[in-house]
Amino acid sequence: EVQLVESGGGLVQAGGSLRLSCAASGFTFDEYAIGWYRQAPGKERELVAGISSAGAGRNTYYADSVKGRFTISRDNAKDTVYLQMNSLKPEDTAVYYCNAARGGGGYWGRGTQVTVSS
């Protein structure tokens, strides 16, 4: 069974930090690019950070809104991707989802809530 399970969300004050984890199972994790998306109430889901597979050089991508504050990394030995979020802002409040993608297909996790209070 394919699973992507996000964890690490919670309530934090502005300026604080959280580390999200996405644990994968049931597929060849290191062959997939991984993205962290978020969706705030009333808004569309957006990509905030991504990392390519090891074979593609583990290149990273960040949305302008999170550059310099968020860091994505992957541990293929643990089939896990992390999103370190620093200097959090109220506008970072959203449900954060993990996505694994390869060749036009992929998988989604169920999300973890991040709430940043002002």
Protein backbone atom coordinates (compact mmCIF):
# COMPACT_ATOMS: atom_id res chain seq x y z
CA GLU A 1 0.00 0.00 0.00
CA VAL A 2 1.34 3.41 -1.00
CA GLN A 3 1.44 5.91 1.84
CA LEU A 4 2.72 9.43 2.39
CA VAL A 5 2.28 10.51 5.98
CA GLU A 6 2.95 14.08 7.02
CA SER A 7 3.72 15.08 10.59
CA GLY A 8 5.18 17.95 12.57
CA GLY A 9 2.49 20.55 12.11
CA GLY A 10 1.07 22.57 14.95
CA LEU A 11 0.51 25.99 16.41
CA VAL A 12 3.47 28.36 16.60
CA GLN A 13 3.93 32.06 17.17
CA ALA A 14 5.15 34.33 14.40
CA GLY A 15 8.92 34.13 14.13
CA GLY A 16 8.98 30.56 15.34
CA SER A 17 10.00 27.35 13.60
CA LEU A 18 8.53 24.00 12.72
CA ARG A 19 9.94 20.94 10.99
CA LEU A 20 7.56 18.93 8.87
CA SER A 21 8.25 15.33 7.94
CA CYS A 22 6.81 13.23 5.14
CA ALA A 23 7.33 9.50 5.55
CA ALA A 24 6.84 7.38 2.43
CA SER A 25 6.18 3.70 1.97
CA GLY A 26 4.95 1.33 -0.70
CA PHE A 27 6.90 2.75 -3.66
CA THR A 28 10.48 3.40 -4.77
CA PHE A 29 10.90 6.66 -2.91
CA ASP A 30 14.29 7.68 -4.26
CA GLU A 31 12.99 7.66 -7.86
CA TYR A 32 10.40 10.33 -7.15
CA ALA A 33 10.58 14.09 -6.94
CA ILE A 34 8.97 15.33 -3.74
CA GLY A 35 7.08 18.54 -3.24
CA TRP A 36 5.59 20.31 -0.26
CA TYR A 37 2.35 22.10 -1.10
CA ARG A 38 0.09 24.16 1.08
CA GLN A 39 -3.53 25.24 0.94
CA ALA A 40 -4.94 28.04 3.02
CA PRO A 41 -8.70 28.47 3.50
CA GLY A 42 -10.28 29.90 0.38
CA LYS A 43 -7.08 29.64 -1.63
CA GLU A 44 -5.72 27.25 -4.20
CA ARG A 45 -3.10 24.68 -3.33
CA GLU A 46 0.36 26.01 -4.07
CA LEU A 47 3.81 24.49 -4.34
CA VAL A 48 6.14 25.93 -1.72
CA ALA A 49 9.21 23.70 -2.04
CA GLY A 50 10.39 20.75 -4.07
CA ILE A 51 13.35 18.46 -4.38
CA SER A 52 14.20 16.22 -7.31
CA SER A 53 15.22 12.61 -7.09
CA ALA A 54 18.81 11.64 -6.35
CA GLY A 55 19.18 10.62 -9.98
CA ALA A 56 18.16 14.12 -11.05
CA GLY A 57 20.63 15.79 -8.75
CA ARG A 58 18.44 16.56 -5.75
CA ASN A 59 17.79 20.01 -7.16
CA THR A 60 15.61 22.18 -5.00
CA TYR A 61 12.90 24.72 -5.72
CA TYR A 62 11.33 27.32 -3.45
CA ALA A 63 8.44 29.66 -3.96
CA ASP A 64 9.46 33.29 -3.63
CA SER A 65 7.30 33.63 -0.54
CA VAL A 66 9.41 31.10 1.41
CA LYS A 67 12.91 31.57 -0.01
CA GLY A 68 15.46 32.07 2.72
CA ARG A 69 13.05 30.77 5.39
CA PHE A 70 12.19 27.21 4.37
CA THR A 71 14.57 24.36 3.58
CA ILE A 72 13.60 21.08 1.98
CA SER A 73 15.73 17.96 2.33
CA ARG A 74 15.36 14.25 1.81
CA ASP A 75 16.79 11.17 3.47
CA ASN A 76 16.45 8.31 1.01
CA ALA A 77 17.70 5.84 3.61
CA LYS A 78 14.65 6.67 5.70
CA ASP A 79 12.25 7.33 2.79
CA THR A 80 11.50 10.68 4.37
CA VAL A 81 11.43 14.29 3.25
CA TYR A 82 11.65 17.22 5.61
CA LEU A 83 10.60 20.83 5.44
CA GLN A 84 12.36 23.07 7.92
CA MET A 85 10.33 26.24 8.33
CA ASN A 86 11.90 29.20 10.09
CA SER A 87 10.77 32.77 10.68
CA LEU A 88 7.19 31.69 10.26
CA LYS A 89 4.57 34.29 9.42
CA PRO A 90 0.80 34.28 9.91
CA GLU A 91 0.43 34.02 6.14
CA ASP A 92 2.18 30.64 6.28
CA THR A 93 -0.91 29.25 7.99
CA ALA A 94 -2.27 26.41 5.87
CA VAL A 95 -2.59 22.68 5.53
CA TYR A 96 0.73 21.37 4.22
CA TYR A 97 0.72 18.39 1.88
CA CYS A 98 3.49 16.14 0.65
CA ASN A 99 3.46 14.98 -2.98
CA ALA A 100 5.62 12.37 -4.69
CA ALA A 101 5.77 12.73 -8.47
CA ARG A 102 7.28 10.82 -11.36
CA GLY A 103 6.43 10.81 -15.03
CA GLY A 104 3.13 12.65 -14.72
CA GLY A 105 1.79 10.51 -11.90
CA GLY A 106 2.23 10.47 -8.18
CA TYR A 107 0.84 10.32 -4.71
CA TRP A 108 -0.47 12.71 -2.07
CA GLY A 109 -0.46 12.65 1.68
CA ARG A 110 -3.42 13.77 3.78
CA GLY A 111 -1.76 16.90 5.09
CA THR A 112 -0.74 18.46 8.37
CA GLN A 113 -2.07 21.73 9.74
CA VAL A 114 0.31 24.60 10.39
CA THR A 115 -1.06 27.60 12.25
CA VAL A 116 1.04 30.69 12.88
CA SER A 117 -0.34 33.18 15.37
CA SER A 118 0.54 36.86 15.27
